[in-house]
Amino acid sequence: MDTLTRMRAFIDVVEAEGFSAAARKIGRSKALLSKYV
C-alpha cells in the first residue's frame, strides 16, 4: 500500500472522529483502517 492511501485513511479517521465512523464512511473494515494508520 502506498503512502497516499495511508495518509487518506488517517485523514478519514480524523474527520470522522473515530475508526468505526470512518470505516462506515468509506466502506472499509476497522481492521484495515487501523492497519493503514
PDB file of N, CA and C in Angstrom:
ATOM      1  N   MET A   1       0.841  -1.168   0.000  1.00  0.00           N
ATOM      2  CA  MET A   1       0.000   0.000   0.000  1.00  0.00           C
ATOM      3  C   MET A   1       0.885   1.230   0.000  1.00  0.00           C
ATOM      4  N   ASP A   2       0.437   2.252  -0.639  1.00  0.00           N
ATOM      5  CA  ASP A   2       1.283   3.423  -0.795  1.00  0.00           C
ATOM      6  C   ASP A   2       1.033   4.468   0.298  1.00  0.00           C
ATOM      7  N   THR A   3       1.899   5.426   0.334  1.00  0.00           N
ATOM      8  CA  THR A   3       1.839   6.471   1.357  1.00  0.00           C
ATOM      9  C   THR A   3       0.562   7.290   1.248  1.00  0.00           C
ATOM     10  N   LEU A   4       0.130   7.574   0.032  1.00  0.00           N
ATOM     11  CA  LEU A   4      -1.079   8.373  -0.165  1.00  0.00           C
ATOM     12  C   LEU A   4      -2.308   7.669   0.412  1.00  0.00           C
ATOM     13  N   THR A   5      -2.390   6.368   0.236  1.00  0.00           N
ATOM     14  CA  THR A   5      -3.502   5.596   0.794  1.00  0.00           C
ATOM     15  C   THR A   5      -3.498   5.675   2.313  1.00  0.00           C
ATOM     16  N   ARG A   6      -2.330   5.557   2.908  1.00  0.00           N
ATOM     17  CA  ARG A   6      -2.207   5.645   4.369  1.00  0.00           C
ATOM     18  C   ARG A   6      -2.590   7.035   4.874  1.00  0.00           C
ATOM     19  N   MET A   7      -2.148   8.061   4.166  1.00  0.00           N
ATOM     20  CA  MET A   7      -2.479   9.432   4.570  1.00  0.00           C
ATOM     21  C   MET A   7      -3.978   9.686   4.464  1.00  0.00           C
ATOM     22  N   ARG A   8      -4.589   9.192   3.386  1.00  0.00           N
ATOM     23  CA  ARG A   8      -6.031   9.381   3.195  1.00  0.00           C
ATOM     24  C   ARG A   8      -6.808   8.672   4.298  1.00  0.00           C
ATOM     25  N   ALA A   9      -6.368   7.497   4.675  1.00  0.00           N
ATOM     26  CA  ALA A   9      -7.017   6.752   5.755  1.00  0.00           C
ATOM     27  C   ALA A   9      -6.920   7.528   7.062  1.00  0.00           C
ATOM     28  N   PHE A  10      -5.754   8.087   7.351  1.00  0.00           N
ATOM     29  CA  PHE A  10      -5.568   8.878   8.568  1.00  0.00           C
ATOM     30  C   PHE A  10      -6.503  10.083   8.572  1.00  0.00           C
ATOM     31  N   ILE A  11      -6.582  10.782   7.464  1.00  0.00           N
ATOM     32  CA  ILE A  11      -7.459  11.951   7.357  1.00  0.00           C
ATOM     33  C   ILE A  11      -8.913  11.549   7.551  1.00  0.00           C
ATOM     34  N   ASP A  12      -9.325  10.447   6.951  1.00  0.00           N
ATOM     35  CA  ASP A  12     -10.701   9.967   7.114  1.00  0.00           C
ATOM     36  C   ASP A  12     -11.015   9.677   8.575  1.00  0.00           C
ATOM     37  N   VAL A  13     -10.083   9.058   9.281  1.00  0.00           N
ATOM     38  CA  VAL A  13     -10.295   8.738  10.697  1.00  0.00           C
ATOM     39  C   VAL A  13     -10.415  10.017  11.516  1.00  0.00           C
ATOM     40  N   VAL A  14      -9.559  10.978  11.260  1.00  0.00           N
ATOM     41  CA  VAL A  14      -9.605  12.245  12.000  1.00  0.00           C
ATOM     42  C   VAL A  14     -10.909  12.980  11.722  1.00  0.00           C
ATOM     43  N   GLU A  15     -11.286  13.089  10.455  1.00  0.00           N
ATOM     44  CA  GLU A  15     -12.510  13.805  10.094  1.00  0.00           C
ATOM     45  C   GLU A  15     -13.754  13.133  10.660  1.00  0.00           C
ATOM     46  N   ALA A  16     -13.759  11.814  10.694  1.00  0.00           N
ATOM     47  CA  ALA A  16     -14.916  11.075  11.199  1.00  0.00           C
ATOM     48  C   ALA A  16     -14.882  10.931  12.718  1.00  0.00           C
ATOM     49  N   GLU A  17     -13.772  11.342  13.321  1.00  0.00           N
ATOM     50  CA  GLU A  17     -13.586  11.283  14.776  1.00  0.00           C
ATOM     51  C   GLU A  17     -13.610   9.859  15.317  1.00  0.00           C
ATOM     52  N   GLY A  18     -13.094   8.928  14.538  1.00  0.00           N
ATOM     53  CA  GLY A  18     -13.000   7.552  15.015  1.00  0.00           C
ATOM     54  C   GLY A  18     -12.896   6.555  13.876  1.00  0.00           C
ATOM     55  N   PHE A  19     -12.390   5.388  14.226  1.00  0.00           N
ATOM     56  CA  PHE A  19     -12.202   4.341  13.225  1.00  0.00           C
ATOM     57  C   PHE A  19     -13.529   3.772  12.734  1.00  0.00           C
ATOM     58  N   SER A  20     -14.476   3.570  13.640  1.00  0.00           N
ATOM     59  CA  SER A  20     -15.759   2.975  13.248  1.00  0.00           C
ATOM     60  C   SER A  20     -16.496   3.858  12.256  1.00  0.00           C
ATOM     61  N   ALA A  21     -16.589   5.135  12.570  1.00  0.00           N
ATOM     62  CA  ALA A  21     -17.298   6.062  11.687  1.00  0.00           C
ATOM     63  C   ALA A  21     -16.583   6.192  10.341  1.00  0.00           C
ATOM     64  N   ALA A  22     -15.274   6.239  10.372  1.00  0.00           N
ATOM     65  CA  ALA A  22     -14.512   6.339   9.126  1.00  0.00           C
ATOM     66  C   ALA A  22     -14.688   5.083   8.279  1.00  0.00           C
ATOM     67  N   ALA A  23     -14.695   3.934   8.924  1.00  0.00           N
ATOM     68  CA  ALA A  23     -14.876   2.676   8.201  1.00  0.00           C
ATOM     69  C   ALA A  23     -16.238   2.640   7.509  1.00  0.00           C
ATOM     70  N   ARG A  24     -17.270   3.076   8.216  1.00  0.00           N
ATOM     71  CA  ARG A  24     -18.606   3.132   7.604  1.00  0.00           C
ATOM     72  C   ARG A  24     -18.623   4.121   6.446  1.00  0.00           C
ATOM     73  N   LYS A  25     -17.979   5.264   6.628  1.00  0.00           N
ATOM     74  CA  LYS A  25     -17.972   6.323   5.618  1.00  0.00           C
ATOM     75  C   LYS A  25     -17.345   5.865   4.305  1.00  0.00           C
ATOM     76  N   ILE A  26     -16.228   5.147   4.395  1.00  0.00           N
ATOM     77  CA  ILE A  26     -15.518   4.774   3.172  1.00  0.00           C
ATOM     78  C   ILE A  26     -15.727   3.321   2.754  1.00  0.00           C
ATOM     79  N   GLY A  27     -16.479   2.581   3.563  1.00  0.00           N
ATOM     80  CA  GLY A  27     -16.801   1.208   3.191  1.00  0.00           C
ATOM     81  C   GLY A  27     -15.660   0.222   3.350  1.00  0.00           C
ATOM     82  N   ARG A  28     -14.827   0.441   4.354  1.00  0.00           N
ATOM     83  CA  ARG A  28     -13.723  -0.474   4.657  1.00  0.00           C
ATOM     84  C   ARG A  28     -13.875  -0.973   6.084  1.00  0.00           C
ATOM     85  N   SER A  29     -13.148  -1.992   6.428  1.00  0.00           N
ATOM     86  CA  SER A  29     -13.227  -2.517   7.789  1.00  0.00           C
ATOM     87  C   SER A  29     -12.376  -1.673   8.740  1.00  0.00           C
ATOM     88  N   LYS A  30     -12.753  -1.722  10.026  1.00  0.00           N
ATOM     89  CA  LYS A  30     -11.960  -1.020  11.039  1.00  0.00           C
ATOM     90  C   LYS A  30     -10.547  -1.579  11.085  1.00  0.00           C
ATOM     91  N   ALA A  31     -10.429  -2.878  10.936  1.00  0.00           N
ATOM     92  CA  ALA A  31      -9.112  -3.515  10.985  1.00  0.00           C
ATOM     93  C   ALA A  31      -8.205  -3.005   9.864  1.00  0.00           C
ATOM     94  N   LEU A  32      -8.768  -2.851   8.683  1.00  0.00           N
ATOM     95  CA  LEU A  32      -7.970  -2.368   7.560  1.00  0.00           C
ATOM     96  C   LEU A  32      -7.540  -0.926   7.783  1.00  0.00           C
ATOM     97  N   LEU A  33      -8.457  -0.096   8.251  1.00  0.00           N
ATOM     98  CA  LEU A  33      -8.095   1.295   8.539  1.00  0.00           C
ATOM     99  C   LEU A  33      -7.024   1.367   9.604  1.00  0.00           C
ATOM    100  N   SER A  34      -7.165   0.562  10.618  1.00  0.00           N
ATOM    101  CA  SER A  34      -6.172   0.529  11.689  1.00  0.00           C
ATOM    102  C   SER A  34      -4.810   0.133  11.136  1.00  0.00           C
ATOM    103  N   LYS A  35      -4.790  -0.815  10.242  1.00  0.00           N
ATOM    104  CA  LYS A  35      -3.533  -1.253   9.626  1.00  0.00           C
ATOM    105  C   LYS A  35      -2.920  -0.123   8.798  1.00  0.00           C
ATOM    106  N   TYR A  36      -3.741   0.594   8.060  1.00  0.00           N
ATOM    107  CA  TYR A  36      -3.257   1.706   7.239  1.00  0.00           C
ATOM    108  C   TYR A  36      -2.651   2.803   8.097  1.00  0.00           C
ATOM    109  N   VAL A  37      -3.324   3.104   9.211  1.00  0.00           N
ATOM    110  CA  VAL A  37      -2.868   4.201  10.076  1.00  0.00           C
ATOM    111  C   VAL A  37      -1.698   3.735  10.898  1.00  0.00           C
TER     112      VAL A  37
END
